[in-house]
């Protein structure tokens, strides 16, 4: 709803000045009202103000229209790499029965989709947030030490959301969080004795979580002060919705190469500087990047 305001002519009072004059007149009237009648008039005026606020609230509400979204799929070029079993070197009687495998590169055997790629918007300026996304999640984010691995392997977290570190295993685990802008921490998480953590500052890239007791255990936390982020699923798919329109810098990151250097679409390569790709989001449209591929050479770094 658009509110039309009249521009006052020379010598005329503006609407704001007329309202203030009316309030002064009413105030002087209230001073002449006997004490016994004051409460009723006061309550009546309060009710009028409430009705006015309800009727005009639509003028200041943020429209649900005018926001965009983006989606895509990131795949592995060529045949998927073989799954590598983990060598269990501690608590073999517990951890040795879960068939643990290396999760530093997870590629779906059929769709060739790459799991655990983080995509998010990076901006020095404050990013407008859709009204539906302004409130943080009421569900407590968790990382569980379960079956001698971290579950989930990667997650996104907003700065106002607490994180619960759990241990569902019968053996002790350690959770060392290598934060950069937040305070790093390391503590033993005993069975059924969860620990709550908070991170007031956004991080520039995903933060590693290790278990110093079981060296193969790793997880990653992407901590941001806005909701515009995604992690690819088992088929390499991702989607970010309700994005403000405009040109935004999207970061693409994977734990093996860290910043992704290149993505290909229909055989045409798009080079990325520290994983950055400037993409224009159009209002009321969903941008489909289609299938993007990564070459095996990008994953030849350390695990």
Protein backbone atom coordinates (compact mmCIF):
# COMPACT_ATOMS: atom_id res chain seq x y z
CA UNK A 1 0.00 0.00 0.00
CA UNK A 2 1.35 3.45 -1.00
CA UNK A 3 0.61 6.42 1.27
CA UNK A 4 0.10 9.76 -0.52
CA UNK A 5 1.20 12.79 1.51
CA UNK A 6 0.04 16.34 0.67
CA UNK A 7 2.82 18.95 0.38
CA UNK A 8 1.78 22.09 2.42
CA UNK A 9 1.57 25.42 0.64
CA UNK A 10 3.02 28.74 1.87
CA UNK A 11 1.71 29.59 5.34
CA UNK A 12 0.05 26.18 5.78
CA UNK A 13 0.96 23.70 8.49
CA UNK A 14 2.28 20.30 7.52
CA UNK A 15 0.46 17.11 8.58
CA UNK A 16 3.10 16.55 11.25
CA UNK A 17 2.63 20.12 12.59
CA UNK A 18 -1.16 19.73 12.57
CA UNK A 19 -0.86 16.48 14.54
CA UNK A 20 1.36 18.15 17.15
CA UNK A 21 -1.06 21.12 17.40
CA UNK A 22 -3.95 18.69 17.92
CA UNK A 23 -2.01 16.88 20.64
CA UNK A 24 -1.34 20.20 22.44
CA UNK A 25 -5.01 21.11 22.18
CA UNK A 26 -6.04 17.74 23.54
CA UNK A 27 -3.47 18.02 26.31
CA UNK A 28 -4.87 21.39 27.42
CA UNK A 29 -8.38 19.92 27.26
CA UNK A 30 -7.37 17.02 29.48
CA UNK A 31 -6.07 19.50 32.09
CA UNK A 32 -9.58 20.96 32.46
CA UNK A 33 -11.26 17.54 32.81
CA UNK A 34 -12.30 16.59 36.34
CA UNK A 35 -10.21 13.85 37.88
CA UNK A 36 -13.07 11.37 37.97
CA UNK A 37 -13.60 11.49 34.19
CA UNK A 38 -9.89 11.40 33.29
CA UNK A 39 -9.45 7.64 33.40
CA UNK A 40 -12.24 6.93 30.92
CA UNK A 41 -11.01 9.47 28.40
CA UNK A 42 -7.44 8.29 28.86
CA UNK A 43 -8.42 4.68 28.14
CA UNK A 44 -10.47 5.77 25.15
CA UNK A 45 -7.55 7.69 23.67
CA UNK A 46 -5.30 4.66 24.25
CA UNK A 47 -7.74 2.46 22.30
CA UNK A 48 -7.79 4.98 19.43
CA UNK A 49 -3.99 4.91 19.23
CA UNK A 50 -3.99 1.08 19.14
CA UNK A 51 -6.55 1.04 16.32
CA UNK A 52 -4.49 3.61 14.39
CA UNK A 53 -1.34 1.52 14.72
CA UNK A 54 -3.13 -1.62 13.52
CA UNK A 55 -4.64 0.15 10.50
CA UNK A 56 -1.36 1.76 9.45
CA UNK A 57 0.96 -1.17 10.15
CA UNK A 58 0.67 -2.29 6.52
CA UNK A 59 2.40 0.90 5.39
CA UNK A 60 5.67 -0.01 7.10
CA UNK A 61 5.68 -3.78 6.55
CA UNK A 62 8.41 -5.15 4.28
CA UNK A 63 6.99 -6.63 1.10
CA UNK A 64 7.39 -10.36 0.54
CA UNK A 65 7.95 -9.66 -3.16
CA UNK A 66 11.14 -8.54 -4.85
CA UNK A 67 13.52 -11.29 -3.66
CA UNK A 68 15.40 -13.82 -5.75
CA UNK A 69 17.00 -17.24 -5.38
CA UNK A 70 19.79 -19.36 -6.81
CA UNK A 71 20.32 -23.09 -7.27
CA UNK A 72 22.72 -25.45 -8.98
CA UNK A 73 24.61 -28.71 -8.88
CA UNK A 74 28.36 -29.30 -8.57
CA UNK A 75 29.69 -32.55 -10.02
CA UNK A 76 32.99 -34.41 -10.30
CA UNK A 77 34.52 -34.66 -13.76
CA UNK A 78 35.12 -38.24 -14.84
CA UNK A 79 34.69 -41.38 -12.77
CA UNK A 80 34.09 -40.91 -9.01
CA UNK A 81 37.15 -41.63 -6.85
CA UNK A 82 37.13 -44.87 -4.82
CA UNK A 83 35.99 -44.79 -1.21
CA UNK A 84 38.94 -44.96 1.19
CA UNK A 85 38.50 -46.87 4.49
CA UNK A 86 39.78 -45.23 7.67
CA UNK A 87 42.55 -46.91 9.67
CA UNK A 88 41.32 -47.14 13.25
CA UNK A 89 44.17 -46.50 15.68
CA UNK A 90 42.28 -45.82 18.93
CA UNK A 91 39.35 -47.52 20.72
CA UNK A 92 39.24 -50.25 18.07
CA UNK A 93 36.66 -52.26 20.01
CA UNK A 94 34.15 -49.40 19.59
CA UNK A 95 35.22 -47.44 16.53
CA UNK A 96 36.31 -50.47 14.49
CA UNK A 97 32.78 -51.76 13.97
CA UNK A 98 31.34 -48.79 12.04
CA UNK A 99 33.11 -49.19 8.69
CA UNK A 100 34.37 -45.61 8.73
CA UNK A 101 35.57 -44.04 5.47
CA UNK A 102 37.41 -40.85 4.49
CA UNK A 103 34.90 -37.98 4.18
CA UNK A 104 37.29 -35.32 2.89
CA UNK A 105 35.95 -35.98 -0.63
CA UNK A 106 32.50 -37.54 -0.97
CA UNK A 107 31.26 -38.13 -4.54
CA UNK A 108 27.99 -39.88 -5.33
CA UNK A 109 28.70 -43.03 -7.37
CA UNK A 110 25.80 -42.45 -9.77
CA UNK A 111 25.13 -38.71 -10.01
CA UNK A 112 28.81 -37.77 -9.46
CA UNK A 113 27.57 -34.96 -7.21
CA UNK A 114 30.16 -33.60 -4.76
CA UNK A 115 28.96 -33.39 -1.18
CA UNK A 116 30.04 -30.84 1.46
CA UNK A 117 30.80 -27.84 -0.75
CA UNK A 118 29.95 -24.60 1.06
CA UNK A 119 28.42 -21.69 -0.88
CA UNK A 120 27.66 -18.36 0.74
CA UNK A 121 27.36 -14.62 0.12
CA UNK A 122 30.24 -12.46 1.31
CA UNK A 123 29.83 -8.72 1.70
CA UNK A 124 31.53 -5.95 3.68
CA UNK A 125 28.18 -4.17 3.89
CA UNK A 126 25.21 -5.34 5.89
CA UNK A 127 23.08 -7.66 3.77
CA UNK A 128 19.32 -7.01 3.78
CA UNK A 129 17.57 -10.10 5.15
CA UNK A 130 14.15 -11.33 4.10
CA UNK A 131 11.57 -10.94 6.93
CA UNK A 132 11.00 -14.71 7.05
CA UNK A 133 14.72 -15.28 7.67
CA UNK A 134 15.45 -12.53 10.19
CA UNK A 135 14.67 -14.71 13.20
CA UNK A 136 17.30 -17.32 13.97
CA UNK A 137 16.39 -20.99 14.14
CA UNK A 138 14.62 -22.09 17.31
CA UNK A 139 16.11 -25.55 16.88
CA UNK A 140 19.47 -25.88 18.63
CA UNK A 141 22.28 -26.63 16.17
CA UNK A 142 24.26 -29.75 17.10
CA UNK A 143 27.46 -31.59 16.33
CA UNK A 144 27.32 -35.10 17.71
CA UNK A 145 30.26 -37.44 18.26
CA UNK A 146 28.40 -40.48 16.99
CA UNK A 147 29.84 -43.78 15.76
CA UNK A 148 33.34 -42.28 16.07
CA UNK A 149 32.68 -39.51 13.55
CA UNK A 150 31.24 -36.02 13.72
CA UNK A 151 27.61 -35.77 12.65
CA UNK A 152 27.04 -33.69 10.62
CA UNK A 153 30.35 -33.42 8.78
CA UNK A 154 29.57 -29.81 7.83
CA UNK A 155 26.94 -27.31 8.94
CA UNK A 156 26.08 -23.62 8.72
CA UNK A 157 25.55 -21.55 11.86
CA UNK A 158 24.43 -17.97 12.40
CA UNK A 159 26.17 -15.82 14.97
CA UNK A 160 23.07 -15.60 17.18
CA UNK A 161 22.59 -19.37 17.26
CA UNK A 162 24.21 -21.51 20.00
CA UNK A 163 25.92 -24.79 19.13
CA UNK A 164 25.55 -27.93 21.20
CA UNK A 165 28.47 -30.38 21.21
CA UNK A 166 27.28 -33.90 22.06
CA UNK A 167 28.76 -37.34 22.54
CA UNK A 168 26.51 -40.31 21.85
CA UNK A 169 29.38 -42.82 21.97
CA UNK A 170 30.42 -44.88 25.01
CA UNK A 171 33.99 -43.51 24.70
CA UNK A 172 35.26 -39.99 25.35
CA UNK A 173 35.82 -37.58 22.44
CA UNK A 174 37.54 -34.23 22.15
CA UNK A 175 36.14 -31.27 20.20
CA UNK A 176 38.78 -28.74 19.20
CA UNK A 177 37.28 -25.77 17.31
CA UNK A 178 39.91 -23.82 15.37
CA UNK A 179 38.06 -20.52 15.14
CA UNK A 180 39.88 -17.49 13.78
CA UNK A 181 37.73 -14.46 14.57
CA UNK A 182 36.06 -16.16 17.52
CA UNK A 183 37.85 -17.66 20.51
CA UNK A 184 39.26 -21.13 19.71
CA UNK A 185 38.36 -23.88 22.13
CA UNK A 186 39.23 -27.49 22.95
CA UNK A 187 37.47 -29.68 25.46
CA UNK A 188 36.73 -33.31 26.19
CA UNK A 189 33.07 -34.17 25.57
CA UNK A 190 32.14 -36.99 27.91
CA UNK A 191 29.31 -39.37 27.04
CA UNK A 192 25.88 -37.79 27.67
CA UNK A 193 27.45 -34.54 28.94
CA UNK A 194 26.88 -31.99 26.15
CA UNK A 195 28.61 -28.63 26.00
CA UNK A 196 27.10 -25.42 24.60
CA UNK A 197 29.20 -22.97 22.56
CA UNK A 198 28.49 -19.55 21.06
CA UNK A 199 30.19 -17.56 18.32
CA UNK A 200 29.49 -13.79 18.29
CA UNK A 201 31.54 -13.04 15.16
CA UNK A 202 31.16 -14.21 11.58
CA UNK A 203 34.07 -16.24 10.21
CA UNK A 204 35.67 -15.64 6.81
CA UNK A 205 35.66 -19.34 5.87
CA UNK A 206 34.55 -22.66 7.39
CA UNK A 207 36.16 -23.48 10.76
CA UNK A 208 37.70 -26.92 11.34
CA UNK A 209 36.66 -29.15 14.24
CA UNK A 210 38.99 -32.00 15.25
CA UNK A 211 39.01 -34.79 17.79
CA UNK A 212 42.55 -35.08 19.17
CA UNK A 213 41.70 -38.49 20.65
CA UNK A 214 40.63 -39.94 17.29
CA UNK A 215 42.72 -38.25 14.61
CA UNK A 216 40.49 -39.20 11.67
CA UNK A 217 37.51 -37.25 13.03
CA UNK A 218 36.92 -33.87 11.36
CA UNK A 219 33.99 -31.52 10.87
CA UNK A 220 33.48 -27.99 9.54
CA UNK A 221 31.33 -25.06 10.72
CA UNK A 222 30.44 -22.09 8.50
CA UNK A 223 29.60 -19.23 10.89
CA UNK A 224 27.89 -16.22 9.31
CA UNK A 225 25.86 -13.20 10.43
CA UNK A 226 23.25 -13.75 7.71
CA UNK A 227 21.24 -16.74 6.40
CA UNK A 228 22.43 -16.79 2.78
CA UNK A 229 24.47 -19.98 2.64
CA UNK A 230 24.12 -23.59 1.56
CA UNK A 231 26.01 -26.89 1.68
CA UNK A 232 25.72 -29.30 -1.23
CA UNK A 233 23.79 -32.49 -0.53
CA UNK A 234 24.73 -36.04 -1.52
CA UNK A 235 23.98 -35.26 -5.19
CA UNK A 236 25.96 -32.01 -5.18
CA UNK A 237 22.79 -29.89 -5.23
CA UNK A 238 22.35 -26.57 -3.45
CA UNK A 239 19.74 -23.83 -3.20
CA UNK A 240 19.65 -20.42 -1.50
CA UNK A 241 16.30 -18.64 -1.39
CA UNK A 242 14.88 -15.18 -0.60
CA UNK A 243 18.06 -13.31 -1.57
CA UNK A 244 17.95 -9.50 -1.97
CA UNK A 245 18.35 -8.53 -5.65
CA UNK A 246 21.64 -7.15 -6.89
CA UNK A 247 25.18 -8.25 -7.69
CA UNK A 248 26.63 -10.39 -4.87
CA UNK A 249 29.95 -12.09 -4.30
CA UNK A 250 29.38 -15.81 -3.76
CA UNK A 251 32.14 -17.92 -2.22
CA UNK A 252 32.66 -21.58 -3.16
CA UNK A 253 34.72 -23.68 -0.72
CA UNK A 254 35.62 -27.35 -0.21
CA UNK A 255 37.86 -28.81 2.50
CA UNK A 256 40.34 -30.41 0.07
CA UNK A 257 41.24 -27.46 -2.21
CA UNK A 258 39.81 -24.91 0.28
CA UNK A 259 38.92 -22.05 -2.11
CA UNK A 260 37.60 -23.52 -5.35
CA UNK A 261 39.66 -22.25 -8.28
CA UNK A 262 37.42 -23.10 -11.22
CA UNK A 263 33.94 -24.28 -12.13
CA UNK A 264 32.87 -25.43 -15.59
CA UNK A 265 29.42 -25.07 -17.15
CA UNK A 266 28.82 -26.90 -20.44
CA UNK A 267 32.57 -27.24 -20.82
CA UNK A 268 33.20 -23.50 -20.41
CA UNK A 269 35.45 -22.72 -17.44
CA UNK A 270 34.77 -19.89 -15.00
CA UNK A 271 37.90 -19.01 -13.02
CA UNK A 272 37.35 -18.07 -9.37
CA UNK A 273 39.68 -15.86 -7.34
CA UNK A 274 39.72 -17.37 -3.83
CA UNK A 275 36.43 -19.09 -4.60
CA UNK A 276 34.68 -15.82 -5.45
CA UNK A 277 32.07 -15.53 -8.21
CA UNK A 278 30.06 -12.32 -8.67
CA UNK A 279 26.51 -13.26 -9.59
CA UNK A 280 23.53 -11.00 -10.22
CA UNK A 281 20.30 -11.95 -8.45
CA UNK A 282 17.10 -10.68 -10.08
CA UNK A 283 13.95 -9.95 -8.11
CA UNK A 284 11.20 -12.59 -8.32
CA UNK A 285 13.41 -14.96 -10.32
CA UNK A 286 15.26 -18.17 -9.56
CA UNK A 287 18.69 -18.32 -11.16
CA UNK A 288 19.60 -21.88 -12.14
CA UNK A 289 23.34 -22.28 -12.63
CA UNK A 290 22.75 -25.78 -13.96
CA UNK A 291 25.42 -28.44 -13.57
CA UNK A 292 28.86 -27.14 -12.67
CA UNK A 293 31.84 -29.49 -12.76
CA UNK A 294 35.19 -29.65 -10.98
CA UNK A 295 38.28 -31.36 -12.30
CA UNK A 296 39.97 -34.12 -10.25
CA UNK A 297 43.17 -32.02 -10.13
CA UNK A 298 41.51 -29.55 -7.79
CA UNK A 299 41.26 -32.25 -5.12
CA UNK A 300 44.85 -33.40 -5.21
CA UNK A 301 45.76 -31.34 -2.13
CA UNK A 302 46.11 -32.58 1.44
CA UNK A 303 43.19 -34.29 3.14
